[in-house]
Protein backbone atom coordinates (compact mmCIF):
# COMPACT_ATOMS: atom_id res chain seq x y z
CA MET A 1 138.66 -131.12 91.95
CA GLN A 2 135.75 -129.42 93.67
CA ILE A 3 134.44 -126.08 92.46
CA ASP A 4 133.73 -123.65 95.24
CA LEU A 5 130.58 -121.65 94.48
CA LYS A 6 130.35 -119.64 97.69
CA VAL A 7 128.83 -116.20 97.33
CA LYS A 8 130.76 -113.22 98.66
CA GLU A 9 128.91 -110.14 99.71
CA SER A 10 131.85 -107.83 100.38
CA LYS A 11 131.38 -104.15 99.58
CA GLU A 12 134.80 -103.80 97.94
CA ASP A 13 134.01 -106.28 95.13
CA LYS A 14 132.11 -104.87 92.20
CA LYS A 15 128.78 -106.66 91.75
CA ILE A 16 127.46 -107.87 88.41
CA GLY A 17 124.88 -105.69 86.72
CA LEU A 18 121.18 -106.21 86.25
CA PHE A 19 121.40 -107.95 82.88
CA SER A 20 124.09 -110.50 83.83
CA PRO A 21 123.13 -114.18 83.67
CA PHE A 22 124.19 -114.42 87.31
CA SER A 23 122.15 -111.46 88.51
CA ALA A 24 119.10 -113.55 89.36
CA ILE A 25 120.89 -116.25 91.38
CA ASN A 26 121.09 -116.16 95.14
CA LYS A 27 122.59 -118.60 97.66
CA LYS A 28 119.72 -121.05 97.26
CA ASN A 29 119.88 -120.97 93.43
CA GLN A 30 116.51 -119.26 93.31
CA VAL A 31 115.50 -116.09 91.54
CA GLY A 32 116.27 -113.05 93.63
CA THR A 33 118.53 -110.06 93.96
CA LYS A 34 120.66 -111.08 96.96
CA GLY A 35 123.97 -112.93 96.70
CA LEU A 36 125.23 -111.79 93.30
CA TYR A 37 128.59 -113.14 92.16
CA SER A 38 131.44 -110.65 92.24
CA GLN A 39 133.95 -110.09 89.43
CA ASN A 40 136.61 -111.90 91.46
CA ASP A 41 134.31 -114.89 91.92
CA LEU A 42 133.67 -115.05 88.18
CA LEU A 43 137.39 -114.81 87.42
CA LYS A 44 138.06 -117.67 89.82
CA LEU A 45 135.30 -119.71 88.17
CA LYS A 46 136.78 -119.02 84.72
CA GLU A 47 140.22 -120.13 85.98
CA GLN A 48 138.72 -123.30 87.42
CA ILE A 49 136.94 -124.02 84.12
CA SER A 50 140.17 -123.56 82.15
CA ASP A 51 142.00 -125.82 84.64
CA LEU A 52 139.31 -128.47 84.13
CA LYS A 53 139.67 -128.16 80.34
CA ASN A 54 143.45 -128.61 80.62
CA LEU A 55 142.93 -131.60 82.89
CA ASN A 56 140.48 -133.08 80.41
CA GLU A 57 143.00 -132.66 77.57
CA SER A 58 145.78 -134.31 79.56
CA ILE A 59 143.52 -137.22 80.49
CA ALA A 60 142.55 -137.62 76.81
CA LYS A 61 146.27 -137.70 75.88
CA GLN A 62 146.96 -140.33 78.55
CA LEU A 63 144.05 -142.40 77.26
CA GLU A 64 145.42 -142.27 73.70
CA ASP A 65 148.84 -143.40 74.99
CA LEU A 66 147.28 -146.31 76.89
CA GLU A 67 145.26 -147.37 73.84
CA TYR A 68 148.44 -147.32 71.72
CA GLN A 69 150.31 -149.40 74.32
CA ALA A 70 147.45 -151.92 74.46
CA GLN A 71 147.49 -152.19 70.68
CA MET A 72 151.27 -152.78 70.68
CA ILE A 73 150.92 -155.50 73.34
CA GLN A 74 148.20 -157.20 71.31
CA LEU A 75 150.33 -157.08 68.15
CA SER A 76 153.36 -158.45 70.02
CA THR A 77 151.51 -161.68 70.82
CA LYS A 78 151.13 -162.64 67.16
CA THR A 79 153.58 -164.81 65.24
CA THR A 80 154.08 -165.17 61.49
CA PHE A 81 154.36 -168.96 61.65
CA PHE A 82 151.84 -170.77 63.85
CA PHE A 83 154.32 -173.42 65.06
CA PHE A 84 156.32 -170.71 66.91
CA VAL A 85 153.37 -169.66 69.12
CA LYS A 86 154.28 -171.81 72.17
CA ALA A 87 157.95 -170.86 72.08
CA HIS A 88 157.09 -167.20 71.50
CA ASN A 89 154.69 -167.04 74.45
CA PHE A 90 157.14 -168.89 76.69
CA LEU A 91 159.97 -166.49 75.84
CA ARG A 92 157.70 -163.45 76.27
CA THR A 93 156.87 -164.53 79.82
CA LYS A 94 160.44 -165.49 80.79
CA SER A 95 162.60 -162.83 79.10
CA LYS A 96 162.14 -159.11 79.64
CA ILE A 97 164.41 -158.27 76.69
CA TYR A 98 162.44 -160.57 74.35
CA TYR A 99 159.14 -159.06 75.57
CA LYS A 100 160.29 -155.45 75.09
CA TRP A 101 161.79 -156.23 71.66
CA HIS A 102 158.48 -157.60 70.40
CA LEU A 103 156.63 -154.51 71.65
CA LYS A 104 158.54 -152.49 69.06
CA GLN A 105 156.57 -151.73 65.93
CA ASN A 106 159.28 -152.81 63.49
CA ALA A 107 160.27 -156.11 65.15
CA SER A 108 158.42 -158.27 62.59
CA THR A 109 160.00 -156.37 59.69
CA VAL A 110 163.48 -156.88 61.13
CA HIS A 111 162.76 -160.59 61.62
CA LEU A 112 161.62 -160.91 58.01
CA VAL A 113 164.72 -159.12 56.68
CA VAL A 114 167.03 -161.34 58.75
CA LEU A 115 165.16 -164.44 57.52
CA VAL A 116 165.54 -163.38 53.87
CA ILE A 117 169.26 -162.62 54.33
CA PHE A 118 169.76 -165.99 56.03
CA ALA A 119 167.93 -167.80 53.21
CA ILE A 120 170.01 -166.06 50.54
CA LEU A 121 173.31 -166.76 52.32
CA SER A 122 172.31 -170.39 52.96
CA THR A 123 171.43 -170.85 49.29
CA ILE A 124 174.74 -169.34 48.18
CA GLY A 125 176.63 -171.50 50.70
CA ALA A 126 174.89 -174.68 49.55
CA TYR A 127 175.58 -173.82 45.91
CA ILE A 128 179.27 -173.23 46.61
CA LYS A 129 179.54 -176.47 48.57
CA LEU A 130 177.74 -178.58 45.93
CA VAL A 131 179.54 -177.14 42.91
CA ASN A 132 182.95 -177.01 44.68
CA TRP A 133 183.44 -173.46 43.57
CA PRO A 134 186.05 -171.82 43.63
CA LYS A 135 188.67 -174.46 42.86
């Protein structure tokens, strides 16, 4: 976005007074009395500055979102057990569903809960089978 700093010298615009910070600036950015900025020019400059601030805020928000996504991608490459690394990386590259599931923040927690439930049910099943209970 380019800021237009052209100086208007129309008689209908009210010129800035003697003690304004812009009163000593002319077209060549030198001290002088010609080429004062009008009220309309200053309002346009203020609008452009506020637009630039809003743009800066939106870019900062986009940057935060990208940093969060990069962090989630980095976390999705890790495995709890080192012997699953090859299979995990293979499945991440071949399956879109697998890849997106592991981008979720709670995927590891869900895996751990399922593992614990499986271990408990397997232990109960083995106990029932070994003891022949119920008869």
